[in-house]
C-alpha atoms as a PDB file:
ATOM      1  CA  MET A   1       0.000   0.000   0.000  1.00  0.00           C
ATOM      2  CA  LEU A   2       1.308   3.430  -0.923  1.00  0.00           C
ATOM      3  CA  LEU A   3       0.911   6.034   1.792  1.00  0.00           C
ATOM      4  CA  SER A   4       2.121   9.531   0.887  1.00  0.00           C
ATOM      5  CA  GLY A   5       4.749   8.178  -1.487  1.00  0.00           C
ATOM      6  CA  VAL A   6       5.986   5.587   1.022  1.00  0.00           C
ATOM      7  CA  TYR A   7       5.193   1.889   0.886  1.00  0.00           C
ATOM      8  CA  MET A   8       3.769   0.434   4.079  1.00  0.00           C
ATOM      9  CA  ASN A   9       5.036  -2.911   5.258  1.00  0.00           C
ATOM     10  CA  TYR A  10       2.787  -5.443   6.923  1.00  0.00           C
ATOM     11  CA  TYR A  11       4.039  -8.304   9.041  1.00  0.00           C
ATOM     12  CA  VAL A  12       2.582 -11.698   9.813  1.00  0.00           C
ATOM     13  CA  TYR A  13       4.312 -13.017  12.906  1.00  0.00           C
ATOM     14  CA  VAL A  14       4.420 -15.959  15.285  1.00  0.00           C
ATOM     15  CA  LEU A  15       5.039 -15.645  19.006  1.00  0.00           C
ATOM     16  CA  THR A  16       5.683 -18.340  21.545  1.00  0.00           C
ATOM     17  CA  ASN A  17       6.169 -18.526  25.289  1.00  0.00           C
ATOM     18  CA  GLN A  18       8.830 -19.894  27.620  1.00  0.00           C
ATOM     19  CA  GLY A  19       9.435 -23.492  26.639  1.00  0.00           C
ATOM     20  CA  ASN A  20       7.916 -22.916  23.171  1.00  0.00           C
ATOM     21  CA  LYS A  21       4.665 -24.581  24.221  1.00  0.00           C
ATOM     22  CA  THR A  22       2.074 -22.102  22.922  1.00  0.00           C
ATOM     23  CA  LEU A  23       1.987 -20.410  19.511  1.00  0.00           C
ATOM     24  CA  TYR A  24       0.238 -17.179  18.562  1.00  0.00           C
ATOM     25  CA  VAL A  25      -0.147 -15.817  15.012  1.00  0.00           C
ATOM     26  CA  GLY A  26      -0.740 -12.105  14.464  1.00  0.00           C
ATOM     27  CA  VAL A  27      -0.541  -9.340  11.869  1.00  0.00           C
ATOM     28  CA  THR A  28       0.618  -5.726  12.216  1.00  0.00           C
ATOM     29  CA  ASN A  29       2.012  -2.791  10.262  1.00  0.00           C
ATOM     30  CA  ASP A  30       4.568  -1.962  12.980  1.00  0.00           C
ATOM     31  CA  LEU A  31       6.335  -5.112  14.136  1.00  0.00           C
ATOM     32  CA  VAL A  32       8.706  -3.502  16.639  1.00  0.00           C
ATOM     33  CA  LYS A  33       5.905  -1.604  18.378  1.00  0.00           C
ATOM     34  CA  ARG A  34       3.533  -4.580  18.390  1.00  0.00           C
ATOM     35  CA  ILE A  35       6.042  -7.025  19.847  1.00  0.00           C
ATOM     36  CA  TYR A  36       6.987  -4.438  22.467  1.00  0.00           C
ATOM     37  CA  GLU A  37       3.293  -4.230  23.416  1.00  0.00           C
ATOM     38  CA  HIS A  38       3.159  -8.016  23.742  1.00  0.00           C
ATOM     39  CA  LYS A  39       6.318  -8.046  25.874  1.00  0.00           C
ATOM     40  CA  GLN A  40       4.968  -5.325  28.175  1.00  0.00           C
ATOM     41  CA  LYS A  41       1.578  -7.104  28.484  1.00  0.00           C
ATOM     42  CA  PHE A  42      -0.230  -3.882  27.508  1.00  0.00           C
ATOM     43  CA  VAL A  43      -3.287  -5.633  26.072  1.00  0.00           C
ATOM     44  CA  ASP A  44      -5.432  -8.203  27.825  1.00  0.00           C
ATOM     45  CA  GLY A  45      -6.064 -11.353  25.850  1.00  0.00           C
ATOM     46  CA  PHE A  46      -4.453 -14.551  24.632  1.00  0.00           C
ATOM     47  CA  THR A  47      -0.840 -13.360  24.535  1.00  0.00           C
ATOM     48  CA  LYS A  48      -1.007 -11.881  28.021  1.00  0.00           C
ATOM     49  CA  LYS A  49      -2.776 -14.942  29.449  1.00  0.00           C
ATOM     50  CA  TYR A  50      -0.295 -17.424  27.946  1.00  0.00           C
ATOM     51  CA  CYS A  51       2.813 -15.166  28.140  1.00  0.00           C
ATOM     52  CA  THR A  52       3.486 -15.445  24.406  1.00  0.00           C
ATOM     53  CA  ASP A  53       5.960 -12.651  23.786  1.00  0.00           C
ATOM     54  CA  LYS A  54       8.933 -14.321  22.080  1.00  0.00           C
ATOM     55  CA  LEU A  55       9.052 -13.514  18.349  1.00  0.00           C
ATOM     56  CA  VAL A  56      10.146 -16.665  16.523  1.00  0.00           C
ATOM     57  CA  TYR A  57       8.934 -16.043  12.969  1.00  0.00           C
ATOM     58  CA  TYR A  58       7.739 -13.245  10.706  1.00  0.00           C
ATOM     59  CA  GLU A  59       7.021 -12.480   7.077  1.00  0.00           C
ATOM     60  CA  ILE A  60       6.866  -9.082   5.361  1.00  0.00           C
ATOM     61  CA  THR A  61       4.577  -7.880   2.578  1.00  0.00           C
ATOM     62  CA  ASN A  62       3.487  -4.480   1.328  1.00  0.00           C
ATOM     63  CA  ASP A  63      -0.075  -5.659   0.652  1.00  0.00           C
ATOM     64  CA  VAL A  64      -2.433  -5.485   3.618  1.00  0.00           C
ATOM     65  CA  MET A  65      -4.897  -7.986   2.150  1.00  0.00           C
ATOM     66  CA  SER A  66      -2.108 -10.516   1.554  1.00  0.00           C
ATOM     67  CA  ALA A  67      -0.984 -10.108   5.153  1.00  0.00           C
ATOM     68  CA  ILE A  68      -4.488 -10.654   6.510  1.00  0.00           C
ATOM     69  CA  GLU A  69      -5.036 -13.698   4.299  1.00  0.00           C
ATOM     70  CA  ARG A  70      -1.678 -15.176   5.294  1.00  0.00           C
ATOM     71  CA  GLU A  71      -2.474 -14.668   8.981  1.00  0.00           C
ATOM     72  CA  LYS A  72      -5.795 -16.491   8.524  1.00  0.00           C
ATOM     73  CA  GLN A  73      -4.038 -19.281   6.627  1.00  0.00           C
ATOM     74  CA  LEU A  74      -1.392 -19.797   9.330  1.00  0.00           C
ATOM     75  CA  LYS A  75      -4.016 -19.762  12.080  1.00  0.00           C
ATOM     76  CA  LYS A  76      -5.734 -22.698  10.350  1.00  0.00           C
ATOM     77  CA  TRP A  77      -2.514 -24.706  10.031  1.00  0.00           C
ATOM     78  CA  ASN A  78      -1.894 -27.561  12.406  1.00  0.00           C
ATOM     79  CA  ARG A  79       0.907 -27.217  14.932  1.00  0.00           C
ATOM     80  CA  SER A  80       3.402 -29.435  13.106  1.00  0.00           C
ATOM     81  CA  TRP A  81       3.183 -27.282   9.952  1.00  0.00           C
ATOM     82  CA  LYS A  82       3.797 -24.133  12.011  1.00  0.00           C
ATOM     83  CA  LEU A  83       6.742 -25.762  13.779  1.00  0.00           C
ATOM     84  CA  ARG A  84       8.298 -26.693  10.427  1.00  0.00           C
ATOM     85  CA  LEU A  85       7.853 -23.112   9.181  1.00  0.00           C
ATOM     86  CA  ILE A  86       9.493 -21.667  12.300  1.00  0.00           C
ATOM     87  CA  LYS A  87      12.385 -24.155  12.289  1.00  0.00           C
ATOM     88  CA  LYS A  88      13.149 -23.362   8.644  1.00  0.00           C
ATOM     89  CA  MET A  89      13.639 -19.641   9.399  1.00  0.00           C
ATOM     90  CA  ASN A  90      14.729 -19.856  13.019  1.00  0.00           C
ATOM     91  CA  PRO A  91      16.089 -23.330  13.911  1.00  0.00           C
ATOM     92  CA  ASP A  92      17.281 -22.242  17.370  1.00  0.00           C
ATOM     93  CA  TRP A  93      14.008 -20.518  18.241  1.00  0.00           C
ATOM     94  CA  THR A  94      15.843 -17.306  19.119  1.00  0.00           C
ATOM     95  CA  ASP A  95      13.821 -14.232  20.016  1.00  0.00           C
ATOM     96  CA  LEU A  96      14.002 -12.284  16.738  1.00  0.00           C
ATOM     97  CA  TYR A  97      12.811  -9.107  18.428  1.00  0.00           C
ATOM     98  CA  ARG A  98      16.373  -8.372  19.495  1.00  0.00           C
ATOM     99  CA  SER A  99      17.492  -8.216  15.849  1.00  0.00           C
ATOM    100  CA  LEU A 100      14.717  -5.940  14.539  1.00  0.00           C
END
């Protein structure tokens, strides 16, 4: 999407918790800010309840509809498919937030 001559990026991301037990899939146009909000537990909900604040995977697109569709697709995937996707990009399950 073009906004005042600048392309917007959209991110589909996967968070996990300590021990990599729970996975959360989300979408945002500001990945650094959104992960910070998850880490600070600013918003009540799933990520706060299950302490999912470790960024283990993300994708970038400049099309908001593609990002939303991809988020929906990943949410429907079974756990083993998500694990394979994460391990391909991030085999050590490092918190990618530190490198943003």
